[in-house]
């Protein structure tokens, strides 16, 4: 295949595509290496808001994929961007969300102008009640993402979307989704890379829709999180390496 246009970028999801709970999936590192060998840049875009950027870099290194901070965008980053137009925020989320909010210098408050909700292990009835109160009193409701489940080696666990749905029901309010396929995540990707040519992921409802938002073809890696009837994808396989090989065989980029 001919060398691609300068800075041509393939955006790749992480959970269910590159790894499961940090355990590398077969062929994933080879797929990234193959794209880079063919001259493509790779940007990782994940709806997982929990780890910090440094933790993502370390986890990628642990599965033999080199990456720097600039090559990773998360739903935590997107939520912080979405919240940056408000003068105060309240945050439910783990260290990745906390880091992203702090990096933007946002003021914390228990009577906030906006509430940011990410995945959390401390989710309780009292948390639902308190955040729903903040939203009912006028706080903008920003969710890192609405993925209902999170793939692991032991099967699917409740995802951020499950927590967000409980708060949305209690507050009778629809949240703004910052991560894929939201506009804030698209802004982050477009700020980092100006020549995206494909999006690869395992969820048509997020990754597939995000490909449409970016205006690029979608490559589907079938995982436990993929629905039985996933719909149309330009490339589809049971592994990242399978999708990448199809992409390289058919991509018009040159």
Protein backbone atom coordinates (compact mmCIF):
# COMPACT_ATOMS: atom_id res chain seq x y z
CA UNK A 1 0.00 0.00 0.00
CA UNK A 2 1.20 3.53 -0.78
CA UNK A 3 2.28 5.82 2.03
CA UNK A 4 -0.77 7.70 3.38
CA UNK A 5 -1.20 11.46 3.30
CA UNK A 6 0.76 13.33 5.96
CA UNK A 7 -0.73 13.01 9.44
CA UNK A 8 -3.53 10.64 8.34
CA UNK A 9 -4.92 9.40 11.66
CA UNK A 10 -6.86 6.32 12.68
CA UNK A 11 -8.84 6.78 15.92
CA UNK A 12 -9.05 3.62 18.04
CA UNK A 13 -11.15 2.76 21.08
CA UNK A 14 -9.49 0.91 23.97
CA UNK A 15 -11.85 -1.22 26.10
CA UNK A 16 -12.97 -4.29 24.17
CA UNK A 17 -10.69 -3.37 21.26
CA UNK A 18 -7.12 -3.08 22.55
CA UNK A 19 -7.67 -4.69 25.96
CA UNK A 20 -10.07 -5.97 28.59
CA UNK A 21 -9.39 -4.46 32.02
CA UNK A 22 -5.84 -3.75 30.91
CA UNK A 23 -5.22 -7.28 29.59
CA UNK A 24 -4.11 -6.97 25.99
CA UNK A 25 -6.27 -8.63 23.36
CA UNK A 26 -4.60 -10.92 20.78
CA UNK A 27 -3.11 -9.02 17.85
CA UNK A 28 -3.90 -5.55 19.20
CA UNK A 29 -0.31 -4.37 19.55
CA UNK A 30 0.51 -5.86 16.14
CA UNK A 31 -2.41 -3.92 14.64
CA UNK A 32 -1.16 -0.60 16.00
CA UNK A 33 2.39 -1.42 14.87
CA UNK A 34 1.10 -2.27 11.39
CA UNK A 35 -0.77 1.03 11.07
CA UNK A 36 2.31 2.96 12.14
CA UNK A 37 4.52 0.99 9.78
CA UNK A 38 2.22 2.01 6.93
CA UNK A 39 2.64 5.65 7.92
CA UNK A 40 -0.61 6.22 9.81
CA UNK A 41 -0.84 8.08 13.09
CA UNK A 42 -2.94 6.51 15.86
CA UNK A 43 -5.08 8.42 18.36
CA UNK A 44 -6.71 6.49 21.19
CA UNK A 45 -10.19 7.75 22.16
CA UNK A 46 -11.86 6.09 25.12
CA UNK A 47 -15.06 6.60 27.07
CA UNK A 48 -13.34 5.19 30.15
CA UNK A 49 -13.10 8.20 32.47
CA UNK A 50 -11.50 6.49 35.48
CA UNK A 51 -7.71 6.31 34.86
CA UNK A 52 -5.44 9.33 34.55
CA UNK A 53 -3.67 10.03 31.28
CA UNK A 54 -0.39 8.77 32.75
CA UNK A 55 -2.11 5.55 33.78
CA UNK A 56 -3.37 5.05 30.23
CA UNK A 57 0.15 5.59 28.89
CA UNK A 58 1.47 3.00 31.34
CA UNK A 59 -1.28 0.50 30.54
CA UNK A 60 -0.61 0.82 26.83
CA UNK A 61 3.10 0.25 27.45
CA UNK A 62 2.17 -2.88 29.41
CA UNK A 63 0.52 -4.31 26.28
CA UNK A 64 3.48 -3.34 24.07
CA UNK A 65 1.97 -0.17 22.59
CA UNK A 66 3.99 3.03 22.84
CA UNK A 67 1.92 6.18 23.38
CA UNK A 68 2.32 9.67 24.75
CA UNK A 69 -0.20 11.95 26.47
CA UNK A 70 -1.04 13.73 23.22
CA UNK A 71 -2.19 10.47 21.62
CA UNK A 72 -4.90 9.78 24.24
CA UNK A 73 -8.26 11.51 24.63
CA UNK A 74 -10.83 10.38 27.18
CA UNK A 75 -14.40 11.12 28.13
CA UNK A 76 -13.01 12.74 31.29
CA UNK A 77 -11.17 15.27 29.11
CA UNK A 78 -14.34 15.82 27.10
CA UNK A 79 -16.46 16.35 30.22
CA UNK A 80 -13.96 18.87 31.59
CA UNK A 81 -14.08 20.72 28.27
CA UNK A 82 -17.90 20.70 28.36
CA UNK A 83 -17.86 22.01 31.94
CA UNK A 84 -15.29 24.74 31.29
CA UNK A 85 -17.96 27.29 30.36
CA UNK A 86 -19.47 27.11 33.88
CA UNK A 87 -18.13 29.02 36.87
CA UNK A 88 -18.35 26.10 39.32
CA UNK A 89 -18.71 22.33 39.22
CA UNK A 90 -19.43 19.34 41.40
CA UNK A 91 -17.73 16.10 40.34
CA UNK A 92 -18.64 12.45 40.77
CA UNK A 93 -15.90 10.31 39.32
CA UNK A 94 -12.57 8.68 39.89
CA UNK A 95 -9.05 10.03 39.46
CA UNK A 96 -9.26 10.51 35.69
CA UNK A 97 -12.22 12.87 35.98
CA UNK A 98 -10.75 14.66 38.97
CA UNK A 99 -7.48 15.20 37.07
CA UNK A 100 -9.21 16.51 33.96
CA UNK A 101 -11.31 18.98 35.97
CA UNK A 102 -8.26 20.20 37.89
CA UNK A 103 -6.20 20.61 34.70
CA UNK A 104 -8.80 23.11 33.49
CA UNK A 105 -8.72 24.93 36.81
CA UNK A 106 -12.45 24.59 37.44
CA UNK A 107 -13.84 25.73 40.79
CA UNK A 108 -15.43 23.00 42.92
CA UNK A 109 -18.73 23.67 44.71
CA UNK A 110 -21.58 21.87 46.46
CA UNK A 111 -23.96 24.42 44.93
CA UNK A 112 -22.56 24.19 41.42
CA UNK A 113 -23.43 25.65 38.06
CA UNK A 114 -22.69 22.23 36.54
CA UNK A 115 -22.43 18.63 37.71
CA UNK A 116 -20.01 16.21 36.04
CA UNK A 117 -20.75 12.49 36.42
CA UNK A 118 -18.32 9.73 35.51
CA UNK A 119 -17.95 6.11 36.56
CA UNK A 120 -17.55 5.68 40.31
CA UNK A 121 -17.24 2.86 42.80
CA UNK A 122 -18.82 5.08 45.50
CA UNK A 123 -22.22 5.24 43.82
CA UNK A 124 -25.00 5.03 46.44
CA UNK A 125 -28.59 6.09 47.04
CA UNK A 126 -27.34 9.18 48.89
CA UNK A 127 -25.11 10.11 45.95
CA UNK A 128 -28.06 9.85 43.55
CA UNK A 129 -30.19 11.99 45.84
CA UNK A 130 -27.54 14.69 46.27
CA UNK A 131 -26.63 15.00 42.60
CA UNK A 132 -30.28 14.92 41.54
CA UNK A 133 -30.88 17.80 43.98
CA UNK A 134 -28.06 19.83 42.42
CA UNK A 135 -29.45 19.25 38.94
CA UNK A 136 -33.01 20.10 40.00
CA UNK A 137 -31.69 23.36 41.44
CA UNK A 138 -30.30 24.37 38.08
CA UNK A 139 -26.93 22.66 37.74
CA UNK A 140 -26.15 21.61 34.18
CA UNK A 141 -25.94 17.81 34.02
CA UNK A 142 -22.82 16.63 32.16
CA UNK A 143 -22.05 12.91 31.79
CA UNK A 144 -18.66 11.64 30.70
CA UNK A 145 -20.48 9.01 28.63
CA UNK A 146 -23.60 6.85 28.58
CA UNK A 147 -22.17 3.40 27.86
CA UNK A 148 -24.50 1.07 29.75
CA UNK A 149 -21.84 -1.61 30.26
CA UNK A 150 -18.08 -2.00 30.59
CA UNK A 151 -16.37 -5.11 29.11
CA UNK A 152 -14.03 -7.13 31.34
CA UNK A 153 -12.45 -10.60 31.10
CA UNK A 154 -15.21 -11.82 33.44
CA UNK A 155 -18.00 -10.33 31.31
CA UNK A 156 -19.92 -7.06 31.24
CA UNK A 157 -20.09 -4.83 34.31
CA UNK A 158 -22.36 -1.80 34.80
CA UNK A 159 -20.93 1.18 32.93
CA UNK A 160 -21.20 4.91 33.47
CA UNK A 161 -24.47 4.97 31.54
CA UNK A 162 -26.10 2.84 34.24
CA UNK A 163 -25.16 5.40 36.90
CA UNK A 164 -26.13 8.33 34.69
CA UNK A 165 -29.53 6.77 33.99
CA UNK A 166 -30.32 6.56 37.70
CA UNK A 167 -29.48 10.23 38.25
CA UNK A 168 -31.32 11.31 35.10
CA UNK A 169 -34.42 9.46 36.26
CA UNK A 170 -34.25 10.96 39.75
CA UNK A 171 -33.62 14.48 38.42
CA UNK A 172 -36.06 14.10 35.48
CA UNK A 173 -33.37 15.65 33.29
CA UNK A 174 -31.49 14.52 30.20
CA UNK A 175 -27.69 14.92 30.52
CA UNK A 176 -25.27 16.29 27.97
CA UNK A 177 -23.00 13.44 26.86
CA UNK A 178 -19.44 14.69 26.60
CA UNK A 179 -17.62 11.53 25.48
CA UNK A 180 -18.20 9.55 22.30
CA UNK A 181 -20.29 10.34 20.31
CA UNK A 182 -20.64 13.79 21.89
CA UNK A 183 -19.53 17.05 20.34
CA UNK A 184 -17.00 17.80 23.10
CA UNK A 185 -15.10 14.59 22.32
CA UNK A 186 -15.21 15.42 18.62
CA UNK A 187 -13.72 18.85 19.37
CA UNK A 188 -10.87 17.25 21.30
CA UNK A 189 -10.08 14.80 18.50
CA UNK A 190 -10.19 17.53 15.86
CA UNK A 191 -7.95 19.77 17.99
CA UNK A 192 -5.37 16.98 18.28
CA UNK A 193 -5.51 15.69 14.70
CA UNK A 194 -6.67 17.44 11.52
CA UNK A 195 -6.73 14.47 9.14
CA UNK A 196 -8.75 11.63 10.71
CA UNK A 197 -9.52 8.91 8.17
CA UNK A 198 -11.18 6.12 10.24
CA UNK A 199 -12.69 5.27 13.61
CA UNK A 200 -12.39 1.75 15.06
CA UNK A 201 -14.38 0.54 18.06
CA UNK A 202 -16.72 -2.12 19.40
CA UNK A 203 -19.91 -0.14 20.06
CA UNK A 204 -21.97 1.06 17.09
CA UNK A 205 -24.02 3.23 19.47
CA UNK A 206 -20.95 5.22 20.51
CA UNK A 207 -17.99 4.43 18.24
CA UNK A 208 -20.12 4.02 15.12
CA UNK A 209 -22.02 7.23 15.77
CA UNK A 210 -18.76 8.97 16.61
CA UNK A 211 -17.38 7.95 13.22
CA UNK A 212 -20.41 9.67 11.67
CA UNK A 213 -19.80 12.81 13.75
CA UNK A 214 -16.18 12.85 12.55
CA UNK A 215 -17.31 12.14 8.98
CA UNK A 216 -15.16 9.02 8.57
CA UNK A 217 -15.77 5.27 7.96
CA UNK A 218 -16.33 2.92 10.91
CA UNK A 219 -14.44 -0.28 11.66
CA UNK A 220 -16.22 -2.65 14.06
CA UNK A 221 -14.34 -4.97 16.41
CA UNK A 222 -16.91 -7.45 17.69
CA UNK A 223 -16.78 -7.79 21.49
CA UNK A 224 -19.13 -8.74 24.31
CA UNK A 225 -20.35 -5.13 24.22
CA UNK A 226 -21.34 -5.35 20.55
CA UNK A 227 -25.08 -5.93 20.02
CA UNK A 228 -26.28 -9.04 18.20
CA UNK A 229 -27.44 -6.89 15.28
CA UNK A 230 -24.77 -4.20 15.10
CA UNK A 231 -25.80 -2.61 11.81
CA UNK A 232 -23.52 -1.45 9.04
CA UNK A 233 -19.76 -1.01 9.33
CA UNK A 234 -17.20 -0.44 6.59
CA UNK A 235 -14.90 -3.09 8.11
CA UNK A 236 -15.82 -5.76 10.66
CA UNK A 237 -13.84 -8.51 12.39
CA UNK A 238 -13.47 -10.23 15.75
CA UNK A 239 -10.17 -8.47 16.47
CA UNK A 240 -8.43 -5.15 15.93
CA UNK A 241 -5.82 -6.76 13.70
CA UNK A 242 -8.59 -8.15 11.50
CA UNK A 243 -10.20 -4.72 11.09
CA UNK A 244 -6.85 -3.03 10.46
CA UNK A 245 -5.92 -5.54 7.75
CA UNK A 246 -9.25 -4.88 6.02
CA UNK A 247 -8.74 -1.13 6.36
CA UNK A 248 -5.26 -1.26 4.87
CA UNK A 249 -6.48 -3.44 1.99
CA UNK A 250 -9.32 -1.09 1.04
CA UNK A 251 -8.40 2.38 2.27
CA UNK A 252 -8.35 4.99 -0.51
CA UNK A 253 -5.95 7.15 1.51
CA UNK A 254 -2.61 7.46 -0.27
